Amino acid sequence: MRIGQLAQLNEVAYGSDFLYTTSGLYGFFCLKFILINNLFNSFFSSSDSLIP
């Protein structure tokens, strides 16, 4: 019984850790994509305004 409870706690701990790392990576990539997108948009809009 106690060994089973320990295994369950261990599983829960690893599961939450995995969830946090994956969500953290996902958020990081989303932020990176948004920043790159904004940079490209500002660059293209400025080059557009340069063309007469």
C-alpha atoms as a PDB file:
ATOM      1  CA  MET A   1       0.000   0.000   0.000  1.00  0.00           C
ATOM      2  CA  ARG A   2       2.700   2.474   1.010  1.00  0.00           C
ATOM      3  CA  ILE A   3       4.904   1.581  -1.964  1.00  0.00           C
ATOM      4  CA  GLY A   4       1.937   2.102  -4.276  1.00  0.00           C
ATOM      5  CA  GLN A   5       1.235   5.505  -2.746  1.00  0.00           C
ATOM      6  CA  LEU A   6       4.892   6.512  -3.154  1.00  0.00           C
ATOM      7  CA  ALA A   7       4.872   5.405  -6.786  1.00  0.00           C
ATOM      8  CA  GLN A   8       1.675   7.371  -7.383  1.00  0.00           C
ATOM      9  CA  LEU A   9       3.167  10.505  -5.805  1.00  0.00           C
ATOM     10  CA  ASN A  10       6.306  10.073  -7.898  1.00  0.00           C
ATOM     11  CA  GLU A  11       4.200   9.709 -11.051  1.00  0.00           C
ATOM     12  CA  VAL A  12       2.196  12.835 -10.223  1.00  0.00           C
ATOM     13  CA  ALA A  13       5.396  14.799  -9.567  1.00  0.00           C
ATOM     14  CA  TYR A  14       6.944  13.739 -12.877  1.00  0.00           C
ATOM     15  CA  GLY A  15       3.688  14.422 -14.730  1.00  0.00           C
ATOM     16  CA  SER A  16       3.393  17.971 -13.406  1.00  0.00           C
ATOM     17  CA  ASP A  17       7.093  18.584 -14.115  1.00  0.00           C
ATOM     18  CA  PHE A  18       6.621  17.398 -17.704  1.00  0.00           C
ATOM     19  CA  LEU A  19       3.538  19.593 -18.059  1.00  0.00           C
ATOM     20  CA  TYR A  20       5.380  22.650 -16.758  1.00  0.00           C
ATOM     21  CA  THR A  21       8.356  22.135 -19.074  1.00  0.00           C
ATOM     22  CA  THR A  22       6.213  21.576 -22.158  1.00  0.00           C
ATOM     23  CA  SER A  23       3.977  24.573 -21.423  1.00  0.00           C
ATOM     24  CA  GLY A  24       7.069  26.674 -20.717  1.00  0.00           C
ATOM     25  CA  LEU A  25       8.680  25.687 -24.017  1.00  0.00           C
ATOM     26  CA  TYR A  26       5.389  26.287 -25.862  1.00  0.00           C
ATOM     27  CA  GLY A  27       5.047  29.754 -24.311  1.00  0.00           C
ATOM     28  CA  PHE A  28       8.688  30.549 -25.110  1.00  0.00           C
ATOM     29  CA  PHE A  29       8.268  29.589 -28.773  1.00  0.00           C
ATOM     30  CA  CYS A  30       4.986  31.542 -29.020  1.00  0.00           C
ATOM     31  CA  LEU A  31       6.669  34.625 -27.565  1.00  0.00           C
ATOM     32  CA  LYS A  32       9.633  34.215 -29.932  1.00  0.00           C
ATOM     33  CA  PHE A  33       7.314  33.828 -32.935  1.00  0.00           C
ATOM     34  CA  ILE A  34       5.313  36.935 -31.951  1.00  0.00           C
ATOM     35  CA  LEU A  35       8.498  38.997 -31.513  1.00  0.00           C
ATOM     36  CA  ILE A  36       9.913  37.856 -34.880  1.00  0.00           C
ATOM     37  CA  ASN A  37       6.556  38.520 -36.549  1.00  0.00           C
ATOM     38  CA  ASN A  38       6.460  42.049 -35.109  1.00  0.00           C
ATOM     39  CA  LEU A  39      10.036  42.694 -36.268  1.00  0.00           C
ATOM     40  CA  PHE A  40       9.230  41.512 -39.795  1.00  0.00           C
ATOM     41  CA  ASN A  41       6.039  43.587 -39.895  1.00  0.00           C
ATOM     42  CA  SER A  42       7.821  46.750 -38.767  1.00  0.00           C
ATOM     43  CA  PHE A  43      10.660  46.124 -41.246  1.00  0.00           C
ATOM     44  CA  PHE A  44       8.320  45.565 -44.193  1.00  0.00           C
ATOM     45  CA  SER A  45       6.089  48.505 -43.294  1.00  0.00           C
ATOM     46  CA  SER A  46       9.139  50.801 -43.092  1.00  0.00           C
ATOM     47  CA  SER A  47      10.464  49.534 -46.450  1.00  0.00           C
ATOM     48  CA  ASP A  48       6.971  50.001 -47.895  1.00  0.00           C
ATOM     49  CA  SER A  49       6.915  53.620 -46.784  1.00  0.00           C
ATOM     50  CA  LEU A  50      10.367  54.145 -48.361  1.00  0.00           C
ATOM     51  CA  ILE A  51       9.046  53.145 -51.809  1.00  0.00           C
ATOM     52  CA  PRO A  52       7.511  56.243 -53.484  1.00  0.00           C
END
